[in-house]
Every structure is written in C-alpha cells, then in structure tokens.
Amino acid sequence: MAGGTPVGVCGGRSAETVAGMLGVLLAGHACLPLDPALPPDRLREMLATAGATAVLAEAGSAPADCGVPVAVLPPADTSDTSDASDVAT
C-alpha cells in the first residue's frame, strides 16, 4: 500500500480500536473511522468514496462483503493480574 492510502477502522469505543487507528497513522496512512452500527451498504459506500484499500475491524464488527480485505484486530490481553500496590516505591 502506498503511503497516505485510506484504511478503514471499524470498531466501538475500545483500546483495540484506538490501537488500530494509531497503527494506521504511524504506518503513514489515512484513518477512516467506521461505525459498526451503520448499515453495510453505507459502510461500503464510505469505503468506495474514500478509496480505502483495507479495513481493520474488531472481532464481530467486521463489515460483511465490503469489497476490500478485512483484518480483524486481536482482543486485548486482560490476563495481566499484577497489582500496582506490589510496585516498590
């Protein structure tokens, strides 16, 4: 993908979505936020109008048959049970 190419990011308000947006921007591409609550036809129209070549999506929110490749963002690892009170001061 050429730098500056729009990439759709489809997800709710979560750490995964923010990480996806930052990854797109740090890779030198334009970020196209997509609301998973929108109808699939509207998402396809937005992607086509912007010229997006790929979509990053949270699991379960990936737009169906959007006409571009979709990569699903992995869920956040919530297994870390460390306690901040264990940190020496």
Protein backbone atom coordinates (compact mmCIF):
# COMPACT_ATOMS: atom_id res chain seq x y z
CA MET A 1 0.00 0.00 0.00
CA ALA A 2 1.24 3.45 -0.84
CA GLY A 3 1.64 5.94 1.99
CA GLY A 4 -1.40 8.09 2.60
CA THR A 5 -3.80 5.39 1.41
CA PRO A 6 -7.06 5.45 3.41
CA VAL A 7 -7.61 2.47 5.71
CA GLY A 8 -10.96 1.91 7.40
CA VAL A 9 -11.04 1.19 11.13
CA CYS A 10 -14.32 -0.35 12.27
CA GLY A 11 -14.99 -0.81 15.97
CA GLY A 12 -16.56 0.55 19.09
CA ARG A 13 -15.00 2.72 21.75
CA SER A 14 -12.24 0.39 22.87
CA ALA A 15 -8.50 0.16 23.35
CA GLU A 16 -8.26 -2.15 20.33
CA THR A 17 -9.88 0.42 18.06
CA VAL A 18 -7.61 3.20 19.32
CA ALA A 19 -4.55 0.96 18.85
CA GLY A 20 -5.71 0.17 15.31
CA MET A 21 -6.14 3.86 14.49
CA LEU A 22 -2.68 4.69 15.86
CA GLY A 23 -1.16 1.83 13.90
CA VAL A 24 -2.73 3.09 10.68
CA LEU A 25 -1.49 6.63 11.30
CA LEU A 26 2.01 5.52 12.35
CA ALA A 27 2.25 3.44 9.17
CA GLY A 28 1.71 6.66 7.20
CA HIS A 29 -1.85 6.01 6.06
CA ALA A 30 -5.06 7.98 6.45
CA CYS A 31 -7.53 6.64 9.02
CA LEU A 32 -11.21 6.33 8.05
CA PRO A 33 -13.26 5.71 11.22
CA LEU A 34 -16.23 3.43 10.55
CA ASP A 35 -19.18 2.96 12.91
CA PRO A 36 -20.13 -0.74 13.09
CA ALA A 37 -23.73 0.29 13.80
CA LEU A 38 -24.10 1.69 10.27
CA PRO A 39 -25.78 -0.44 7.59
CA PRO A 40 -23.37 -2.50 5.44
CA ASP A 41 -24.39 -0.58 2.30
CA ARG A 42 -23.39 2.72 3.93
CA LEU A 43 -20.03 1.29 5.05
CA ARG A 44 -19.32 0.04 1.51
CA GLU A 45 -20.23 3.48 0.12
CA MET A 46 -17.92 5.24 2.58
CA LEU A 47 -15.04 2.88 1.75
CA ALA A 48 -15.53 3.32 -2.00
CA THR A 49 -15.82 7.10 -1.79
CA ALA A 50 -12.65 7.37 0.33
CA GLY A 51 -10.75 4.92 -1.86
CA ALA A 52 -9.90 2.73 1.13
CA THR A 53 -7.92 -0.39 0.29
CA ALA A 54 -8.27 -2.28 3.59
CA VAL A 55 -10.25 -2.35 6.84
CA LEU A 56 -9.14 -3.09 10.39
CA ALA A 57 -12.08 -4.30 12.48
CA GLU A 58 -12.79 -5.52 15.97
CA ALA A 59 -13.95 -9.13 16.16
CA GLY A 60 -17.67 -9.21 15.49
CA SER A 61 -17.81 -5.77 13.90
CA ALA A 62 -16.17 -6.53 10.56
CA PRO A 63 -18.31 -5.25 7.69
CA ALA A 64 -19.61 -8.10 5.55
CA ASP A 65 -18.62 -8.15 1.88
CA CYS A 66 -17.21 -4.62 1.92
CA GLY A 67 -15.15 -5.05 -1.24
CA VAL A 68 -11.73 -4.67 0.41
CA PRO A 69 -9.63 -7.02 2.58
CA VAL A 70 -10.59 -7.02 6.28
CA ALA A 71 -8.09 -7.72 9.08
CA VAL A 72 -9.59 -8.49 12.48
CA LEU A 73 -7.93 -6.81 15.46
CA PRO A 74 -6.95 -9.26 18.22
CA PRO A 75 -8.71 -8.76 21.56
CA ALA A 76 -6.80 -7.05 24.34
CA ASP A 77 -4.92 -9.37 26.70
CA THR A 78 -6.70 -8.96 30.01
CA SER A 79 -4.88 -11.82 31.73
CA ASP A 80 -2.42 -9.49 33.48
CA THR A 81 -3.43 -9.66 37.12
CA SER A 82 -0.50 -7.69 38.53
CA ASP A 83 -1.33 -5.31 41.31
CA ALA A 84 0.09 -1.79 41.25
CA SER A 85 0.46 -1.94 45.04
CA ASP A 86 3.26 -4.50 44.54
CA VAL A 87 5.49 -1.83 42.98
CA ALA A 88 8.34 -0.73 45.28
CA THR A 89 8.50 2.97 45.96
